[in-house]
Amino acid sequence: MFFEPYAIEVASRIDPASVSVVLEIAAGTGRVTQHLSNRLPPSAQLIASDISEDMLSVAKEKLSHLAINWQTIDAQQLPFTDNSIDLVVCCFGYMFVPDKPKAFAEAYRVLKPDGMFLFTTLDKLENNAASYIARTAAKKYFEGDIPEAYNMATSMHDQATIQPLLENAGFYKLSIEKVKKQSVCNSAKEAARFLTQSGSVFEDIRKRNPAIIEEITITVEKELTEQFGASPMIAPISAVISQAWK
């Protein structure tokens, strides 16, 4: 629903002829990794990394047919020498990194001169319709506002947040833009299940009262069906795509 459109977009922004070593941060289960591998020339080395060994194990199994260097890596401490990587890519990972200045400085350090840093972050919740519907449905089960800590996924939704991080790390040429896509799911029911089975907000609700999750799921499915169709469900999504050069 969310990763595939931007995985395709990110891969399309890479010039295959200009890279020989590529580092992917927060590869997760490998959805973006596969598109990167398809885009890169056979001679290029693709290092796909994540801080979670469990996530990488899923990716390794899915993409076992591809020549990928899998590594468990913390984005805040990259185990590579200075000026050794042509391209650093990350889709929807930096929002969750605790020390963002350090992580951006690390990306800058390992990049070769003229190397590119390419990453995506989620736009604000209101511009991601399906997620916004799910969050709105969950609100009434909290006393007062939903804690700010649960907004981490959209914490890097604007240029004012991203640009200083890049400039302070040393990047000299920047491109930061919001890119709208369509989020497609087989059905509103499937989308609702996904939205209410993941995320810290719903984990919190589930701990307090698991039965409520089913009630919220029904509400979300109804809203999604009314606004974006029962099958398929097609809703607008938006993300920030940032590119920076060393």
Protein backbone atom coordinates (compact mmCIF):
# COMPACT_ATOMS: atom_id res chain seq x y z
CA MET A 1 0.00 0.00 0.00
CA PHE A 2 2.71 2.48 0.95
CA PHE A 3 6.16 1.17 0.07
CA GLU A 4 5.68 -0.12 -3.45
CA PRO A 5 4.85 3.19 -5.21
CA TYR A 6 7.86 4.91 -3.67
CA ALA A 7 10.17 1.93 -4.13
CA ILE A 8 9.50 2.23 -7.86
CA GLU A 9 9.94 6.02 -7.77
CA VAL A 10 13.21 5.88 -5.85
CA ALA A 11 14.69 3.24 -8.15
CA SER A 12 13.77 5.35 -11.18
CA ARG A 13 15.83 8.28 -9.82
CA ILE A 14 19.08 6.32 -9.87
CA ASP A 15 21.49 6.58 -12.77
CA PRO A 16 22.78 2.98 -13.09
CA ALA A 17 25.88 4.09 -14.96
CA SER A 18 27.06 6.31 -12.10
CA VAL A 19 27.16 3.78 -9.26
CA SER A 20 29.33 0.81 -8.39
CA VAL A 21 28.65 0.51 -4.63
CA VAL A 22 25.17 1.17 -3.19
CA LEU A 23 24.15 1.10 0.47
CA GLU A 24 20.52 0.71 1.44
CA ILE A 25 19.61 1.71 5.00
CA ALA A 26 16.52 0.21 6.71
CA ALA A 27 15.93 -2.37 3.99
CA GLY A 28 13.26 -4.08 6.10
CA THR A 29 11.72 -7.02 4.28
CA GLY A 30 13.36 -6.11 0.99
CA ARG A 31 10.63 -4.47 -1.08
CA VAL A 32 12.82 -1.52 -2.07
CA THR A 33 15.88 -3.76 -2.28
CA GLN A 34 14.36 -5.78 -5.11
CA HIS A 35 13.68 -2.66 -7.18
CA LEU A 36 17.19 -1.39 -6.53
CA SER A 37 18.69 -4.70 -7.60
CA ASN A 38 16.65 -4.67 -10.81
CA ARG A 39 17.80 -1.13 -11.58
CA LEU A 40 21.50 -1.55 -10.93
CA PRO A 41 23.98 -3.05 -13.42
CA PRO A 42 25.23 -6.59 -12.65
CA SER A 43 28.68 -5.20 -11.85
CA ALA A 44 27.37 -3.00 -9.00
CA GLN A 45 27.54 -4.10 -5.38
CA LEU A 46 24.31 -3.66 -3.43
CA ILE A 47 24.63 -3.67 0.36
CA ALA A 48 21.19 -4.00 1.94
CA SER A 49 21.14 -3.29 5.66
CA ASP A 50 18.77 -3.05 8.59
CA ILE A 51 19.14 -2.76 12.35
CA SER A 52 16.74 -5.71 12.74
CA GLU A 53 18.12 -9.17 12.03
CA ASP A 54 14.55 -10.52 11.98
CA MET A 55 13.58 -8.14 9.18
CA LEU A 56 16.67 -9.03 7.18
CA SER A 57 16.00 -12.74 7.54
CA VAL A 58 12.66 -12.22 5.80
CA ALA A 59 14.30 -10.18 3.03
CA LYS A 60 17.07 -12.75 2.56
CA GLU A 61 14.54 -15.53 2.09
CA LYS A 62 12.43 -13.52 -0.35
CA LEU A 63 15.40 -12.37 -2.42
CA SER A 64 17.73 -15.35 -2.08
CA HIS A 65 18.03 -15.52 -5.88
CA LEU A 66 19.70 -12.08 -6.00
CA ALA A 67 23.36 -11.23 -5.39
CA ILE A 68 22.97 -8.92 -2.39
CA ASN A 69 25.34 -8.24 0.49
CA TRP A 70 23.11 -8.36 3.57
CA GLN A 71 24.36 -6.65 6.73
CA THR A 72 22.90 -5.81 10.14
CA ILE A 73 23.78 -2.13 10.54
CA ASP A 74 22.85 0.82 12.73
CA ALA A 75 22.38 3.94 10.56
CA GLN A 76 24.04 5.99 13.30
CA GLN A 77 27.29 4.03 13.03
CA LEU A 78 28.07 2.81 9.53
CA PRO A 79 30.89 0.24 9.33
CA PHE A 80 32.42 1.61 6.15
CA THR A 81 35.46 3.72 5.38
CA ASP A 82 35.22 7.37 4.35
CA ASN A 83 34.42 8.08 0.69
CA SER A 84 33.63 4.45 -0.17
CA ILE A 85 29.97 4.46 -1.26
CA ASP A 86 28.49 5.93 -4.46
CA LEU A 87 24.86 6.03 -3.31
CA VAL A 88 23.07 5.80 0.04
CA VAL A 89 19.35 4.98 -0.18
CA CYS A 90 16.72 4.76 2.55
CA CYS A 91 12.95 4.48 2.22
CA PHE A 92 10.94 5.43 5.31
CA GLY A 93 13.63 4.69 7.88
CA TYR A 94 15.19 7.92 9.12
CA MET A 95 12.02 9.05 10.93
CA PHE A 96 12.72 6.34 13.51
CA VAL A 97 16.47 6.92 13.98
CA PRO A 98 17.08 8.44 17.44
CA ASP A 99 20.12 10.56 16.57
CA LYS A 100 19.29 11.96 13.14
CA PRO A 101 22.22 14.44 12.93
CA LYS A 102 24.65 11.61 13.61
CA ALA A 103 22.98 9.34 11.05
CA PHE A 104 23.06 12.04 8.37
CA ALA A 105 26.69 12.81 9.16
CA GLU A 106 27.48 9.11 8.76
CA ALA A 107 25.79 9.00 5.36
CA TYR A 108 27.85 12.01 4.30
CA ARG A 109 31.08 10.50 5.62
CA VAL A 110 30.84 7.23 3.71
CA LEU A 111 29.73 8.78 0.43
CA LYS A 112 32.29 9.45 -2.26
CA PRO A 113 32.66 13.03 -3.54
CA ASP A 114 29.64 13.74 -5.78
CA GLY A 115 27.89 10.72 -4.26
CA MET A 116 24.12 10.95 -3.76
CA PHE A 117 22.01 10.52 -0.63
CA LEU A 118 18.44 9.54 -1.61
CA PHE A 119 15.71 8.93 0.95
CA THR A 120 11.99 9.13 1.55
CA THR A 121 9.98 10.16 4.61
CA LEU A 122 6.24 10.21 5.15
CA ASP A 123 4.28 13.38 4.54
CA LYS A 124 1.94 14.56 7.30
CA LEU A 125 -0.88 12.23 8.24
CA GLU A 126 -3.62 14.38 6.70
CA ASN A 127 -2.07 13.80 3.26
CA ASN A 128 -2.12 10.02 3.65
CA ALA A 129 -5.84 9.37 3.56
CA ALA A 130 -6.12 5.72 4.61
CA SER A 131 -3.78 6.18 7.57
CA TYR A 132 -5.60 9.37 8.56
CA ILE A 133 -8.94 7.54 8.59
CA ALA A 134 -7.47 4.81 10.81
CA ARG A 135 -5.92 7.32 13.23
CA THR A 136 -9.18 9.29 13.42
CA ALA A 137 -11.09 6.11 14.24
CA ALA A 138 -8.61 5.32 17.02
CA LYS A 139 -8.76 8.77 18.64
CA LYS A 140 -11.99 8.23 20.55
CA TYR A 141 -10.38 5.38 22.48
CA PHE A 142 -7.83 7.72 24.04
CA GLU A 143 -8.44 10.16 26.86
CA GLY A 144 -7.40 13.51 25.43
CA ASP A 145 -5.01 13.76 22.49
CA ILE A 146 -3.00 10.84 21.19
CA PRO A 147 0.52 11.13 22.68
CA GLU A 148 3.01 13.01 20.49
CA ALA A 149 5.36 10.01 20.65
CA TYR A 150 2.99 8.19 18.30
CA ASN A 151 3.59 10.77 15.56
CA MET A 152 7.19 9.71 14.95
CA ALA A 153 6.37 8.19 11.55
CA THR A 154 5.41 11.64 10.20
CA SER A 155 8.04 13.60 12.12
CA MET A 156 10.02 14.43 8.95
CA HIS A 157 7.20 15.64 6.74
CA ASP A 158 8.54 19.06 5.78
CA GLN A 159 11.56 20.77 4.29
CA ALA A 160 12.11 22.88 7.40
CA THR A 161 12.98 19.73 9.33
CA ILE A 162 15.01 17.95 6.66
CA GLN A 163 17.07 20.76 5.12
CA PRO A 164 19.03 21.73 8.27
CA LEU A 165 19.93 18.08 8.88
CA LEU A 166 21.38 17.80 5.40
CA GLU A 167 23.17 21.14 5.45
CA ASN A 168 24.67 20.55 8.88
CA ALA A 169 25.95 17.16 7.72
CA GLY A 170 27.79 18.90 4.87
CA PHE A 171 25.65 18.26 1.80
CA TYR A 172 25.94 21.12 -0.68
CA LYS A 173 23.19 20.47 -3.26
CA LEU A 174 19.68 19.57 -2.14
CA SER A 175 16.36 18.61 -3.65
CA ILE A 176 13.40 18.15 -1.29
CA GLU A 177 9.95 17.63 -2.74
CA LYS A 178 6.57 16.19 -1.84
CA VAL A 179 5.47 13.49 -4.24
CA LYS A 180 1.89 12.24 -4.38
CA LYS A 181 1.00 8.70 -5.38
CA GLN A 182 -1.91 6.28 -5.19
CA SER A 183 -2.09 3.66 -2.46
CA VAL A 184 -3.67 0.52 -3.92
CA CYS A 185 -4.96 -2.43 -1.93
CA ASN A 186 -6.99 -5.46 -3.08
CA SER A 187 -9.87 -4.44 -0.85
CA ALA A 188 -10.91 -1.94 1.80
CA LYS A 189 -11.27 -4.87 4.19
CA GLU A 190 -7.66 -5.94 3.67
CA ALA A 191 -6.47 -2.34 4.04
CA ALA A 192 -8.39 -1.87 7.27
CA ARG A 193 -6.94 -5.06 8.72
CA PHE A 194 -3.43 -3.96 7.85
CA LEU A 195 -3.88 -0.46 9.27
CA THR A 196 -5.31 -1.63 12.60
CA GLN A 197 -2.89 -4.52 13.12
CA SER A 198 0.27 -2.41 12.94
CA GLY A 199 1.58 0.77 14.51
CA SER A 200 2.17 1.92 18.06
CA VAL A 201 -1.27 3.52 18.46
CA PHE A 202 -3.04 0.24 17.83
CA GLU A 203 -0.52 -1.73 19.88
CA ASP A 204 -1.39 0.54 22.81
CA ILE A 205 -5.14 0.00 22.32
CA ARG A 206 -4.65 -3.75 21.95
CA LYS A 207 -2.79 -3.94 25.26
CA ARG A 208 -5.58 -2.14 27.07
CA ASN A 209 -8.53 -3.81 25.37
CA PRO A 210 -7.92 -6.24 22.46
CA ALA A 211 -11.65 -6.47 21.65
CA ILE A 212 -11.74 -2.81 20.63
CA ILE A 213 -9.44 -3.45 17.66
CA GLU A 214 -12.16 -5.37 15.83
CA GLU A 215 -14.60 -2.51 16.38
CA ILE A 216 -12.12 0.01 14.98
CA THR A 217 -11.34 -2.24 12.01
CA ILE A 218 -15.01 -2.37 11.04
CA THR A 219 -15.25 1.41 11.28
CA VAL A 220 -12.13 1.91 9.17
CA GLU A 221 -13.29 -0.57 6.51
CA LYS A 222 -16.63 1.26 6.23
CA GLU A 223 -14.92 4.66 5.83
CA LEU A 224 -12.41 3.36 3.30
CA THR A 225 -15.15 1.69 1.26
CA GLU A 226 -17.27 4.83 1.18
CA GLN A 227 -14.42 7.11 0.18
CA PHE A 228 -12.09 4.97 -1.90
CA GLY A 229 -13.93 1.85 -3.02
CA ALA A 230 -14.44 -1.66 -1.68
CA SER A 231 -12.30 -3.58 -4.18
CA PRO A 232 -9.82 -2.38 -5.11
CA MET A 233 -9.31 0.37 -2.57
CA ILE A 234 -7.35 3.27 -4.07
CA ALA A 235 -6.46 6.19 -1.80
CA PRO A 236 -4.11 9.17 -2.13
CA ILE A 237 -0.75 9.03 -0.36
CA SER A 238 2.09 11.51 -0.10
CA ALA A 239 5.76 11.32 0.85
CA VAL A 240 8.81 13.57 0.87
CA ILE A 241 11.63 12.55 -1.45
CA SER A 242 14.99 14.09 -0.59
CA GLN A 243 18.15 14.00 -2.68
CA ALA A 244 21.46 15.47 -1.60
CA TRP A 245 24.96 15.41 -3.04
CA LYS A 246 28.31 15.44 -1.31
